[in-house]
C-alpha atoms as a PDB file:
ATOM      1  CA  UNK A   1      33.543  17.646  -0.098  1.00  0.00           C
ATOM      2  CA  UNK A   2      31.537  16.457   2.915  1.00  0.00           C
ATOM      3  CA  UNK A   3      28.400  16.388   0.811  1.00  0.00           C
ATOM      4  CA  UNK A   4      29.843  13.516  -1.260  1.00  0.00           C
ATOM      5  CA  UNK A   5      30.687  11.342   1.725  1.00  0.00           C
ATOM      6  CA  UNK A   6      28.670   8.066   1.720  1.00  0.00           C
ATOM      7  CA  UNK A   7      27.331   8.831   5.209  1.00  0.00           C
ATOM      8  CA  UNK A   8      26.329  12.436   4.453  1.00  0.00           C
ATOM      9  CA  UNK A   9      22.659  13.431   4.663  1.00  0.00           C
ATOM     10  CA  UNK A  10      22.532  14.237   0.957  1.00  0.00           C
ATOM     11  CA  UNK A  11      23.917  10.842  -0.069  1.00  0.00           C
ATOM     12  CA  UNK A  12      21.586   9.060   2.366  1.00  0.00           C
ATOM     13  CA  UNK A  13      18.640  10.964   0.882  1.00  0.00           C
ATOM     14  CA  UNK A  14      19.678  10.076  -2.666  1.00  0.00           C
ATOM     15  CA  UNK A  15      20.147   6.450  -1.636  1.00  0.00           C
ATOM     16  CA  UNK A  16      16.635   6.265  -0.161  1.00  0.00           C
ATOM     17  CA  UNK A  17      15.109   8.003  -3.178  1.00  0.00           C
ATOM     18  CA  UNK A  18      16.869   5.583  -5.537  1.00  0.00           C
ATOM     19  CA  UNK A  19      15.665   2.575  -3.541  1.00  0.00           C
ATOM     20  CA  UNK A  20      12.066   3.861  -3.590  1.00  0.00           C
ATOM     21  CA  UNK A  21      12.234   4.410  -7.359  1.00  0.00           C
ATOM     22  CA  UNK A  22      13.553   0.868  -7.799  1.00  0.00           C
ATOM     23  CA  UNK A  23      10.743  -0.479  -5.598  1.00  0.00           C
ATOM     24  CA  UNK A  24       8.060   1.275  -7.629  1.00  0.00           C
ATOM     25  CA  UNK A  25       9.514  -0.037 -10.889  1.00  0.00           C
ATOM     26  CA  UNK A  26       9.855  -3.580  -9.526  1.00  0.00           C
ATOM     27  CA  UNK A  27       6.274  -3.472  -8.268  1.00  0.00           C
ATOM     28  CA  UNK A  28       4.981  -2.389 -11.684  1.00  0.00           C
ATOM     29  CA  UNK A  29       6.992  -5.038 -13.541  1.00  0.00           C
ATOM     30  CA  UNK A  30       6.042  -7.852 -11.146  1.00  0.00           C
ATOM     31  CA  UNK A  31       2.369  -6.823 -11.261  1.00  0.00           C
ATOM     32  CA  UNK A  32       2.039  -7.324 -15.022  1.00  0.00           C
ATOM     33  CA  UNK A  33       0.599 -10.875 -14.696  1.00  0.00           C
ATOM     34  CA  UNK A  34      -2.168  -9.256 -12.533  1.00  0.00           C
ATOM     35  CA  UNK A  35      -2.463 -12.249 -10.176  1.00  0.00           C
ATOM     36  CA  UNK A  36       0.920 -11.278  -8.716  1.00  0.00           C
ATOM     37  CA  UNK A  37      -0.220  -7.777  -7.700  1.00  0.00           C
ATOM     38  CA  UNK A  38      -0.867  -8.851  -4.109  1.00  0.00           C
ATOM     39  CA  UNK A  39       2.617 -10.284  -3.642  1.00  0.00           C
ATOM     40  CA  UNK A  40       4.179  -7.307  -5.452  1.00  0.00           C
ATOM     41  CA  UNK A  41       2.526  -4.697  -3.239  1.00  0.00           C
ATOM     42  CA  UNK A  42       3.288  -6.699  -0.110  1.00  0.00           C
ATOM     43  CA  UNK A  43       6.953  -6.893  -1.095  1.00  0.00           C
ATOM     44  CA  UNK A  44       7.046  -3.196  -1.936  1.00  0.00           C
ATOM     45  CA  UNK A  45       5.733  -2.162   1.467  1.00  0.00           C
ATOM     46  CA  UNK A  46       7.937  -4.705   3.232  1.00  0.00           C
ATOM     47  CA  UNK A  47      10.987  -2.831   1.964  1.00  0.00           C
ATOM     48  CA  UNK A  48       9.605   0.728   1.892  1.00  0.00           C
ATOM     49  CA  UNK A  49       8.487   0.593   5.535  1.00  0.00           C
ATOM     50  CA  UNK A  50      12.010  -0.467   6.492  1.00  0.00           C
ATOM     51  CA  UNK A  51      13.375   2.505   4.552  1.00  0.00           C
ATOM     52  CA  UNK A  52      10.847   4.825   6.217  1.00  0.00           C
ATOM     53  CA  UNK A  53      12.101   3.628   9.620  1.00  0.00           C
ATOM     54  CA  UNK A  54      15.669   4.534   8.712  1.00  0.00           C
ATOM     55  CA  UNK A  55      16.893   1.038   7.948  1.00  0.00           C
ATOM     56  CA  UNK A  56      19.012   0.354   4.869  1.00  0.00           C
ATOM     57  CA  UNK A  57      17.851  -2.917   3.282  1.00  0.00           C
ATOM     58  CA  UNK A  58      19.007  -4.134  -0.103  1.00  0.00           C
ATOM     59  CA  UNK A  59      15.957  -3.016  -2.106  1.00  0.00           C
ATOM     60  CA  UNK A  60      16.070  -5.673  -4.848  1.00  0.00           C
ATOM     61  CA  UNK A  61      17.070  -8.611  -2.656  1.00  0.00           C
ATOM     62  CA  UNK A  62      14.566  -7.747   0.097  1.00  0.00           C
ATOM     63  CA  UNK A  63      11.768  -7.195  -2.447  1.00  0.00           C
ATOM     64  CA  UNK A  64      12.092 -10.652  -3.983  1.00  0.00           C
ATOM     65  CA  UNK A  65      12.601 -12.239  -0.565  1.00  0.00           C
ATOM     66  CA  UNK A  66       9.240 -10.890   0.597  1.00  0.00           C
ATOM     67  CA  UNK A  67       7.619 -11.630  -2.784  1.00  0.00           C
ATOM     68  CA  UNK A  68       8.542 -15.319  -2.595  1.00  0.00           C
ATOM     69  CA  UNK A  69       7.759 -15.595   1.108  1.00  0.00           C
ATOM     70  CA  UNK A  70       4.233 -14.159   0.885  1.00  0.00           C
ATOM     71  CA  UNK A  71       3.191 -15.222  -2.632  1.00  0.00           C
ATOM     72  CA  UNK A  72       1.469 -18.452  -1.624  1.00  0.00           C
ATOM     73  CA  UNK A  73      -0.715 -16.872   1.084  1.00  0.00           C
ATOM     74  CA  UNK A  74      -1.511 -13.455  -0.365  1.00  0.00           C
ATOM     75  CA  UNK A  75      -2.285 -14.544  -3.958  1.00  0.00           C
ATOM     76  CA  UNK A  76      -5.595 -16.372  -3.243  1.00  0.00           C
ATOM     77  CA  UNK A  77      -6.649 -13.415  -1.076  1.00  0.00           C
ATOM     78  CA  UNK A  78      -5.777 -11.000  -3.873  1.00  0.00           C
ATOM     79  CA  UNK A  79      -7.714 -13.041  -6.465  1.00  0.00           C
ATOM     80  CA  UNK A  80     -10.812 -12.866  -4.245  1.00  0.00           C
ATOM     81  CA  UNK A  81     -10.270  -9.122  -3.822  1.00  0.00           C
ATOM     82  CA  UNK A  82      -9.843  -8.738  -7.570  1.00  0.00           C
ATOM     83  CA  UNK A  83     -13.237 -10.339  -8.172  1.00  0.00           C
ATOM     84  CA  UNK A  84     -14.837  -7.869  -5.736  1.00  0.00           C
ATOM     85  CA  UNK A  85     -13.086  -4.959  -7.476  1.00  0.00           C
ATOM     86  CA  UNK A  86     -14.288  -6.182 -10.885  1.00  0.00           C
ATOM     87  CA  UNK A  87     -17.877  -6.264  -9.602  1.00  0.00           C
ATOM     88  CA  UNK A  88     -17.514  -2.703  -8.303  1.00  0.00           C
ATOM     89  CA  UNK A  89     -15.909  -1.633 -11.592  1.00  0.00           C
ATOM     90  CA  UNK A  90     -18.861  -3.115 -13.485  1.00  0.00           C
ATOM     91  CA  UNK A  91     -21.233  -1.162 -11.218  1.00  0.00           C
ATOM     92  CA  UNK A  92     -19.380   2.091 -11.941  1.00  0.00           C
ATOM     93  CA  UNK A  93     -19.382   1.329 -15.663  1.00  0.00           C
ATOM     94  CA  UNK A  94     -23.152   0.850 -15.539  1.00  0.00           C
ATOM     95  CA  UNK A  95     -23.459   4.077 -13.567  1.00  0.00           C
ATOM     96  CA  UNK A  96     -21.734   6.143 -16.258  1.00  0.00           C
ATOM     97  CA  UNK A  97     -22.480   4.246 -19.466  1.00  0.00           C
ATOM     98  CA  UNK A  98     -25.133   1.627 -18.757  1.00  0.00           C
ATOM     99  CA  UNK A  99     -28.609   1.137 -17.379  1.00  0.00           C
ATOM    100  CA  UNK A 100     -27.750   2.675 -13.986  1.00  0.00           C
ATOM    101  CA  UNK A 101     -27.210   6.196 -15.357  1.00  0.00           C
ATOM    102  CA  UNK A 102     -30.443   7.319 -13.705  1.00  0.00           C
ATOM    103  CA  UNK A 103     -29.379   6.062 -10.282  1.00  0.00           C
ATOM    104  CA  UNK A 104     -30.394   8.539  -7.522  1.00  0.00           C
ATOM    105  CA  UNK A 105     -27.629  10.587  -5.906  1.00  0.00           C
ATOM    106  CA  UNK A 106     -27.987   8.919  -2.468  1.00  0.00           C
ATOM    107  CA  UNK A 107     -27.381   5.510  -4.095  1.00  0.00           C
ATOM    108  CA  UNK A 108     -24.331   6.893  -5.885  1.00  0.00           C
ATOM    109  CA  UNK A 109     -22.975   8.113  -2.564  1.00  0.00           C
ATOM    110  CA  UNK A 110     -23.540   4.679  -1.033  1.00  0.00           C
ATOM    111  CA  UNK A 111     -21.692   3.044  -3.942  1.00  0.00           C
ATOM    112  CA  UNK A 112     -18.818   5.514  -3.553  1.00  0.00           C
ATOM    113  CA  UNK A 113     -18.552   4.833   0.188  1.00  0.00           C
ATOM    114  CA  UNK A 114     -18.627   1.053  -0.329  1.00  0.00           C
ATOM    115  CA  UNK A 115     -15.956   1.314  -3.044  1.00  0.00           C
ATOM    116  CA  UNK A 116     -13.721   3.431  -0.818  1.00  0.00           C
ATOM    117  CA  UNK A 117     -14.104   1.064   2.139  1.00  0.00           C
ATOM    118  CA  UNK A 118     -13.325  -1.982  -0.004  1.00  0.00           C
ATOM    119  CA  UNK A 119     -10.260  -0.240  -1.443  1.00  0.00           C
ATOM    120  CA  UNK A 120      -9.099   0.790   2.040  1.00  0.00           C
ATOM    121  CA  UNK A 121      -9.433  -2.741   3.431  1.00  0.00           C
ATOM    122  CA  UNK A 122      -7.573  -4.237   0.480  1.00  0.00           C
ATOM    123  CA  UNK A 123      -4.831  -1.624   0.671  1.00  0.00           C
ATOM    124  CA  UNK A 124      -4.317  -2.204   4.402  1.00  0.00           C
ATOM    125  CA  UNK A 125      -3.737  -5.911   3.814  1.00  0.00           C
ATOM    126  CA  UNK A 126      -0.461  -5.414   1.951  1.00  0.00           C
ATOM    127  CA  UNK A 127       1.555  -3.587   4.654  1.00  0.00           C
ATOM    128  CA  UNK A 128      -0.060  -5.707   7.379  1.00  0.00           C
ATOM    129  CA  UNK A 129       0.987  -8.883   5.590  1.00  0.00           C
ATOM    130  CA  UNK A 130       4.448  -7.401   5.066  1.00  0.00           C
ATOM    131  CA  UNK A 131       4.907  -6.773   8.800  1.00  0.00           C
ATOM    132  CA  UNK A 132       3.155  -9.701  10.510  1.00  0.00           C
ATOM    133  CA  UNK A 133       2.984 -13.439   9.982  1.00  0.00           C
ATOM    134  CA  UNK A 134      -0.667 -14.316  10.491  1.00  0.00           C
ATOM    135  CA  UNK A 135      -3.490 -16.481   9.191  1.00  0.00           C
ATOM    136  CA  UNK A 136      -5.583 -15.355   6.251  1.00  0.00           C
ATOM    137  CA  UNK A 137      -8.656 -15.007   8.481  1.00  0.00           C
ATOM    138  CA  UNK A 138      -6.816 -12.793  10.967  1.00  0.00           C
ATOM    139  CA  UNK A 139      -5.289 -10.805   8.093  1.00  0.00           C
ATOM    140  CA  UNK A 140      -8.734  -9.954   6.723  1.00  0.00           C
ATOM    141  CA  UNK A 141     -10.133  -9.082  10.167  1.00  0.00           C
ATOM    142  CA  UNK A 142      -7.149  -6.915  11.074  1.00  0.00           C
ATOM    143  CA  UNK A 143      -7.288  -5.088   7.729  1.00  0.00           C
ATOM    144  CA  UNK A 144     -10.989  -4.312   8.189  1.00  0.00           C
ATOM    145  CA  UNK A 145     -10.390  -2.935  11.688  1.00  0.00           C
ATOM    146  CA  UNK A 146      -7.327  -0.982  10.574  1.00  0.00           C
ATOM    147  CA  UNK A 147      -9.158   0.599   7.628  1.00  0.00           C
ATOM    148  CA  UNK A 148     -12.297   1.546   9.582  1.00  0.00           C
ATOM    149  CA  UNK A 149     -10.389   3.008  12.538  1.00  0.00           C
ATOM    150  CA  UNK A 150      -8.239   5.138  10.235  1.00  0.00           C
ATOM    151  CA  UNK A 151     -10.749   6.567   7.766  1.00  0.00           C
ATOM    152  CA  UNK A 152      -9.251  10.124   7.698  1.00  0.00           C
ATOM    153  CA  UNK A 153      -5.759   8.716   7.191  1.00  0.00           C
ATOM    154  CA  UNK A 154      -7.019   6.379   4.457  1.00  0.00           C
ATOM    155  CA  UNK A 155      -8.604   9.354   2.673  1.00  0.00           C
ATOM    156  CA  UNK A 156      -5.189  11.038   2.571  1.00  0.00           C
ATOM    157  CA  UNK A 157      -3.520   7.815   1.431  1.00  0.00           C
ATOM    158  CA  UNK A 158      -6.187   7.426  -1.281  1.00  0.00           C
ATOM    159  CA  UNK A 159      -5.450  10.938  -2.562  1.00  0.00           C
ATOM    160  CA  UNK A 160      -1.678  10.453  -2.443  1.00  0.00           C
ATOM    161  CA  UNK A 161      -1.960   7.055  -4.175  1.00  0.00           C
ATOM    162  CA  UNK A 162      -3.885   8.309  -7.201  1.00  0.00           C
ATOM    163  CA  UNK A 163      -2.433  11.833  -7.371  1.00  0.00           C
ATOM    164  CA  UNK A 164       0.584  10.801  -9.503  1.00  0.00           C
ATOM    165  CA  UNK A 165      -1.672   9.387 -12.224  1.00  0.00           C
ATOM    166  CA  UNK A 166      -3.906  12.473 -12.263  1.00  0.00           C
ATOM    167  CA  UNK A 167      -0.861  14.741 -12.575  1.00  0.00           C
ATOM    168  CA  UNK A 168       0.622  12.532 -15.296  1.00  0.00           C
ATOM    169  CA  UNK A 169      -2.621  12.692 -17.279  1.00  0.00           C
ATOM    170  CA  UNK A 170      -2.673  16.477 -16.910  1.00  0.00           C
ATOM    171  CA  UNK A 171       0.972  16.945 -17.952  1.00  0.00           C
ATOM    172  CA  UNK A 172       1.274  13.922 -20.205  1.00  0.00           C
ATOM    173  CA  UNK A 173       4.330  15.259 -22.071  1.00  0.00           C
ATOM    174  CA  UNK A 174       6.377  14.960 -18.876  1.00  0.00           C
ATOM    175  CA  UNK A 175       4.453  11.908 -17.682  1.00  0.00           C
ATOM    176  CA  UNK A 176       7.328   9.522 -16.941  1.00  0.00           C
ATOM    177  CA  UNK A 177       9.395  12.062 -15.009  1.00  0.00           C
ATOM    178  CA  UNK A 178       6.377  13.223 -13.015  1.00  0.00           C
ATOM    179  CA  UNK A 179       5.371   9.627 -12.278  1.00  0.00           C
ATOM    180  CA  UNK A 180       8.835   8.752 -10.964  1.00  0.00           C
ATOM    181  CA  UNK A 181       9.026  11.884  -8.799  1.00  0.00           C
ATOM    182  CA  UNK A 182       5.500  11.873  -7.367  1.00  0.00           C
ATOM    183  CA  UNK A 183       5.250   8.106  -6.798  1.00  0.00           C
ATOM    184  CA  UNK A 184       8.575   8.205  -4.950  1.00  0.00           C
ATOM    185  CA  UNK A 185       7.313  10.915  -2.597  1.00  0.00           C
ATOM    186  CA  UNK A 186       3.915   9.262  -2.172  1.00  0.00           C
ATOM    187  CA  UNK A 187       5.447   5.846  -1.450  1.00  0.00           C
ATOM    188  CA  UNK A 188       7.601   7.331   1.305  1.00  0.00           C
ATOM    189  CA  UNK A 189       4.612   9.150   2.831  1.00  0.00           C
ATOM    190  CA  UNK A 190       2.307   6.115   2.673  1.00  0.00           C
ATOM    191  CA  UNK A 191       5.001   3.819   4.082  1.00  0.00           C
ATOM    192  CA  UNK A 192       5.608   6.248   6.943  1.00  0.00           C
ATOM    193  CA  UNK A 193       1.882   6.344   7.751  1.00  0.00           C
ATOM    194  CA  UNK A 194       1.479   2.567   7.647  1.00  0.00           C
ATOM    195  CA  UNK A 195       4.651   2.005   9.658  1.00  0.00           C
ATOM    196  CA  UNK A 196       3.350   4.355  12.364  1.00  0.00           C
ATOM    197  CA  UNK A 197       0.045   2.488  12.558  1.00  0.00           C
ATOM    198  CA  UNK A 198       1.636  -0.955  12.614  1.00  0.00           C
ATOM    199  CA  UNK A 199       4.181   0.168  15.202  1.00  0.00           C
ATOM    200  CA  UNK A 200       1.287   1.132  17.491  1.00  0.00           C
ATOM    201  CA  UNK A 201      -0.183  -2.356  17.042  1.00  0.00           C
ATOM    202  CA  UNK A 202       3.188  -3.931  17.842  1.00  0.00           C
ATOM    203  CA  UNK A 203       3.603  -1.813  20.979  1.00  0.00           C
ATOM    204  CA  UNK A 204       0.059  -2.699  22.076  1.00  0.00           C
ATOM    205  CA  UNK A 205       0.799  -6.424  21.678  1.00  0.00           C
ATOM    206  CA  UNK A 206       4.068  -6.052  23.614  1.00  0.00           C
ATOM    207  CA  UNK A 207       2.301  -4.248  26.451  1.00  0.00           C
ATOM    208  CA  UNK A 208      -0.399  -6.927  26.655  1.00  0.00           C
ATOM    209  CA  UNK A 209       2.239  -9.643  26.677  1.00  0.00           C
ATOM    210  CA  UNK A 210       4.101  -7.850  29.469  1.00  0.00           C
ATOM    211  CA  UNK A 211       0.914  -7.580  31.563  1.00  0.00           C
ATOM    212  CA  UNK A 212       0.172 -11.268  31.022  1.00  0.00           C
ATOM    213  CA  UNK A 213       3.704 -12.208  32.076  1.00  0.00           C
ATOM    214  CA  UNK A 214       3.423 -10.046  35.190  1.00  0.00           C
ATOM    215  CA  UNK A 215       0.088 -11.635  36.053  1.00  0.00           C
ATOM    216  CA  UNK A 216       1.635 -15.084  35.765  1.00  0.00           C
END
């Protein structure tokens, strides 16, 4: 049957889905030490964005290649980000269970906005680091610009990122199956969105370089 041919659309789809499932599992396993989360997410998006573009990388080999390549640079950045997230988590804990329970609504909104912006900036760093070789300073600046200029898109990515865990909590008896299915779909969607944004940056840099060469 044509459907079973290695180059058929069905087999290509199953191959991509399998690779995305493997990436999610590898990312979870390699994130267990916590300090390796930055390198794990960078490696995950390095491979998933290639898959989203239609390339066929070796998921496991490419994941660990990116993990080792970016570990030294992204880990100190991630540790700093983790400290910021812990401070925000402490603020939210105080808001619900501590002395800040009487905080006015406008202040709660401000805290929510700050938390979302911090999350967006951190999340943008991983695919940006996966695509470009840059300094830590430029990585932080580019991630801030990318997050702020794409607020509506980051809202959608935020929803898609945490949706699997909400669904799993709601249907806990089928939690593992739901997690595998929904995180696979969400990873493909998020990777497609990030790849589109980073491709625009790449094209912009190429156009500027072409203009500079013409001027010379």
